[in-house]
Amino acid sequence: MQTFADDVTAWVKWGVLALIGIGAVISLGSILVGRIFSHPHASRYGAMGVAVVVMVAITYTVILVILDSITGSGCT
């Protein structure tokens, strides 16, 4: 059972990391589009998106450390 739990945890970790990357690319693209087409709302939302992505990335790393300290090396 531990092998299956480790696999699911790894899939979730990589999935969240991919979503953070996609969010960062979309936010930076919004800033770029807002600057190119003189659309200040798009730039503002993109900047807020980058801030949210940074906060989520920090929270992600903290949660990973907490989960690792709780589970340790797995069930024995």
N, C-alpha and C. Protein backbone atom coordinates (compact mmCIF):
# COMPACT_ATOMS: atom_id res chain seq x y z
N MET A 1 0.82 -1.18 0.00
CA MET A 1 0.00 0.00 0.00
C MET A 1 0.87 1.26 0.00
N GLN A 2 2.02 1.19 0.66
CA GLN A 2 2.88 2.37 0.74
C GLN A 2 3.40 2.77 -0.63
N THR A 3 3.69 1.80 -1.47
CA THR A 3 4.16 2.11 -2.83
C THR A 3 3.11 2.87 -3.60
N PHE A 4 1.85 2.44 -3.49
CA PHE A 4 0.76 3.13 -4.16
C PHE A 4 0.60 4.55 -3.61
N ALA A 5 0.68 4.72 -2.31
CA ALA A 5 0.56 6.05 -1.69
C ALA A 5 1.70 6.95 -2.14
N ASP A 6 2.91 6.41 -2.24
CA ASP A 6 4.04 7.20 -2.71
C ASP A 6 3.85 7.64 -4.16
N ASP A 7 3.30 6.73 -4.99
CA ASP A 7 3.05 7.07 -6.39
C ASP A 7 2.02 8.20 -6.51
N VAL A 8 0.93 8.10 -5.75
CA VAL A 8 -0.10 9.13 -5.81
C VAL A 8 0.44 10.47 -5.32
N THR A 9 1.21 10.43 -4.25
CA THR A 9 1.81 11.67 -3.74
C THR A 9 2.74 12.29 -4.78
N ALA A 10 3.52 11.48 -5.45
CA ALA A 10 4.43 11.99 -6.48
C ALA A 10 3.65 12.59 -7.64
N TRP A 11 2.56 11.95 -8.06
CA TRP A 11 1.74 12.49 -9.16
C TRP A 11 1.14 13.84 -8.77
N VAL A 12 0.67 13.94 -7.54
CA VAL A 12 0.08 15.20 -7.08
C VAL A 12 1.15 16.29 -7.02
N LYS A 13 2.33 15.95 -6.53
CA LYS A 13 3.42 16.93 -6.47
C LYS A 13 3.75 17.47 -7.86
N TRP A 14 3.91 16.57 -8.83
CA TRP A 14 4.25 17.01 -10.19
C TRP A 14 3.10 17.77 -10.83
N GLY A 15 1.87 17.37 -10.54
CA GLY A 15 0.72 18.07 -11.07
C GLY A 15 0.63 19.50 -10.56
N VAL A 16 0.83 19.67 -9.26
CA VAL A 16 0.80 21.02 -8.69
C VAL A 16 1.94 21.86 -9.24
N LEU A 17 3.11 21.26 -9.38
CA LEU A 17 4.25 21.99 -9.93
C LEU A 17 3.97 22.44 -11.37
N ALA A 18 3.33 21.56 -12.14
CA ALA A 18 2.97 21.93 -13.51
C ALA A 18 1.96 23.07 -13.53
N LEU A 19 0.98 23.04 -12.64
CA LEU A 19 -0.02 24.11 -12.57
C LEU A 19 0.63 25.45 -12.17
N ILE A 20 1.60 25.40 -11.27
CA ILE A 20 2.31 26.63 -10.89
C ILE A 20 3.05 27.19 -12.09
N GLY A 21 3.71 26.32 -12.85
CA GLY A 21 4.42 26.77 -14.05
C GLY A 21 3.48 27.36 -15.09
N ILE A 22 2.34 26.70 -15.31
CA ILE A 22 1.37 27.20 -16.27
C ILE A 22 0.82 28.55 -15.82
N GLY A 23 0.55 28.68 -14.54
CA GLY A 23 0.06 29.96 -14.01
C GLY A 23 1.08 31.08 -14.18
N ALA A 24 2.35 30.76 -13.99
CA ALA A 24 3.40 31.78 -14.17
C ALA A 24 3.50 32.21 -15.62
N VAL A 25 3.44 31.25 -16.54
CA VAL A 25 3.52 31.59 -17.97
C VAL A 25 2.32 32.43 -18.40
N ILE A 26 1.13 32.06 -17.95
CA ILE A 26 -0.07 32.83 -18.31
C ILE A 26 0.00 34.23 -17.73
N SER A 27 0.45 34.37 -16.49
CA SER A 27 0.53 35.70 -15.87
C SER A 27 1.56 36.57 -16.59
N LEU A 28 2.71 36.01 -16.90
CA LEU A 28 3.71 36.79 -17.63
C LEU A 28 3.23 37.14 -19.03
N GLY A 29 2.49 36.23 -19.66
CA GLY A 29 1.91 36.53 -20.97
C GLY A 29 0.88 37.64 -20.88
N SER A 30 0.12 37.67 -19.82
CA SER A 30 -0.86 38.74 -19.63
C SER A 30 -0.18 40.09 -19.46
N ILE A 31 0.92 40.12 -18.74
CA ILE A 31 1.67 41.37 -18.61
C ILE A 31 2.19 41.81 -19.96
N LEU A 32 2.75 40.89 -20.71
CA LEU A 32 3.29 41.20 -22.03
C LEU A 32 2.21 41.71 -22.98
N VAL A 33 1.09 41.02 -23.03
CA VAL A 33 -0.01 41.44 -23.91
C VAL A 33 -0.55 42.80 -23.48
N GLY A 34 -0.66 43.02 -22.18
CA GLY A 34 -1.13 44.32 -21.68
C GLY A 34 -0.20 45.45 -22.07
N ARG A 35 1.09 45.19 -22.04
CA ARG A 35 2.05 46.23 -22.43
C ARG A 35 2.05 46.47 -23.93
N ILE A 36 1.95 45.40 -24.70
CA ILE A 36 1.99 45.55 -26.16
C ILE A 36 0.76 46.28 -26.67
N PHE A 37 -0.42 45.92 -26.17
CA PHE A 37 -1.66 46.48 -26.68
C PHE A 37 -2.20 47.62 -25.82
N SER A 38 -1.40 48.14 -24.92
CA SER A 38 -1.78 49.27 -24.04
C SER A 38 -3.09 48.98 -23.31
N HIS A 39 -3.13 47.81 -22.71
CA HIS A 39 -4.31 47.41 -21.95
C HIS A 39 -3.89 47.29 -20.47
N PRO A 40 -4.09 48.36 -19.69
CA PRO A 40 -3.56 48.35 -18.32
C PRO A 40 -4.20 47.30 -17.41
N HIS A 41 -5.45 46.94 -17.68
CA HIS A 41 -6.09 45.94 -16.83
C HIS A 41 -5.43 44.58 -16.99
N ALA A 42 -5.06 44.22 -18.20
CA ALA A 42 -4.39 42.94 -18.42
C ALA A 42 -3.04 42.92 -17.71
N SER A 43 -2.32 44.03 -17.78
CA SER A 43 -1.03 44.09 -17.10
C SER A 43 -1.19 43.99 -15.59
N ARG A 44 -2.21 44.67 -15.07
CA ARG A 44 -2.44 44.64 -13.62
C ARG A 44 -2.82 43.23 -13.18
N TYR A 45 -3.71 42.56 -13.93
CA TYR A 45 -4.09 41.21 -13.56
C TYR A 45 -2.91 40.24 -13.69
N GLY A 46 -2.08 40.48 -14.67
CA GLY A 46 -0.89 39.64 -14.82
C GLY A 46 0.07 39.81 -13.66
N ALA A 47 0.24 41.05 -13.20
CA ALA A 47 1.11 41.30 -12.06
C ALA A 47 0.55 40.66 -10.79
N MET A 48 -0.76 40.75 -10.62
CA MET A 48 -1.38 40.09 -9.47
C MET A 48 -1.22 38.57 -9.59
N GLY A 49 -1.32 38.06 -10.80
CA GLY A 49 -1.14 36.63 -11.01
C GLY A 49 0.26 36.16 -10.67
N VAL A 50 1.26 36.95 -11.03
CA VAL A 50 2.64 36.60 -10.68
C VAL A 50 2.81 36.57 -9.16
N ALA A 51 2.22 37.56 -8.48
CA ALA A 51 2.31 37.59 -7.01
C ALA A 51 1.64 36.36 -6.40
N VAL A 52 0.49 35.98 -6.93
CA VAL A 52 -0.21 34.81 -6.42
C VAL A 52 0.60 33.54 -6.70
N VAL A 53 1.20 33.45 -7.87
CA VAL A 53 2.00 32.26 -8.21
C VAL A 53 3.20 32.16 -7.27
N VAL A 54 3.83 33.27 -6.95
CA VAL A 54 4.97 33.24 -6.03
C VAL A 54 4.51 32.79 -4.64
N MET A 55 3.37 33.32 -4.17
CA MET A 55 2.86 32.91 -2.85
C MET A 55 2.49 31.42 -2.84
N VAL A 56 1.89 30.95 -3.92
CA VAL A 56 1.53 29.53 -4.01
C VAL A 56 2.79 28.66 -4.05
N ALA A 57 3.82 29.10 -4.75
CA ALA A 57 5.07 28.33 -4.81
C ALA A 57 5.72 28.24 -3.43
N ILE A 58 5.69 29.32 -2.68
CA ILE A 58 6.24 29.30 -1.32
C ILE A 58 5.43 28.36 -0.44
N THR A 59 4.11 28.45 -0.53
CA THR A 59 3.23 27.57 0.25
C THR A 59 3.45 26.11 -0.14
N TYR A 60 3.64 25.87 -1.43
CA TYR A 60 3.89 24.51 -1.93
C TYR A 60 5.13 23.91 -1.30
N THR A 61 6.21 24.67 -1.26
CA THR A 61 7.45 24.13 -0.68
C THR A 61 7.30 23.91 0.82
N VAL A 62 6.59 24.79 1.50
CA VAL A 62 6.39 24.61 2.94
C VAL A 62 5.55 23.36 3.20
N ILE A 63 4.49 23.17 2.41
CA ILE A 63 3.64 21.99 2.60
C ILE A 63 4.43 20.71 2.32
N LEU A 64 5.31 20.73 1.32
CA LEU A 64 6.11 19.54 1.04
C LEU A 64 7.02 19.19 2.22
N VAL A 65 7.60 20.20 2.84
CA VAL A 65 8.47 19.95 3.99
C VAL A 65 7.65 19.41 5.15
N ILE A 66 6.47 19.97 5.37
CA ILE A 66 5.62 19.49 6.47
C ILE A 66 5.20 18.04 6.20
N LEU A 67 4.77 17.74 4.98
CA LEU A 67 4.37 16.36 4.67
C LEU A 67 5.53 15.39 4.83
N ASP A 68 6.72 15.80 4.41
CA ASP A 68 7.88 14.93 4.54
C ASP A 68 8.23 14.70 6.00
N SER A 69 8.09 15.73 6.83
CA SER A 69 8.41 15.54 8.25
C SER A 69 7.36 14.68 8.95
N ILE A 70 6.12 14.72 8.47
CA ILE A 70 5.08 13.88 9.10
C ILE A 70 5.24 12.43 8.69
N THR A 71 5.41 12.21 7.38
CA THR A 71 5.46 10.83 6.90
C THR A 71 6.83 10.20 7.08
N GLY A 72 7.88 11.00 7.05
CA GLY A 72 9.23 10.45 7.21
C GLY A 72 9.59 9.53 6.07
N SER A 73 10.05 8.34 6.39
CA SER A 73 10.44 7.39 5.36
C SER A 73 9.31 6.46 4.99
N GLY A 74 8.11 6.78 5.38
CA GLY A 74 6.97 5.94 5.06
C GLY A 74 6.59 5.04 6.23
N CYS A 75 5.60 4.23 6.01
CA CYS A 75 5.14 3.32 7.06
C CYS A 75 6.14 2.17 7.22
N THR A 76 6.37 1.81 8.46
CA THR A 76 7.30 0.69 8.70
C THR A 76 6.57 -0.47 9.33
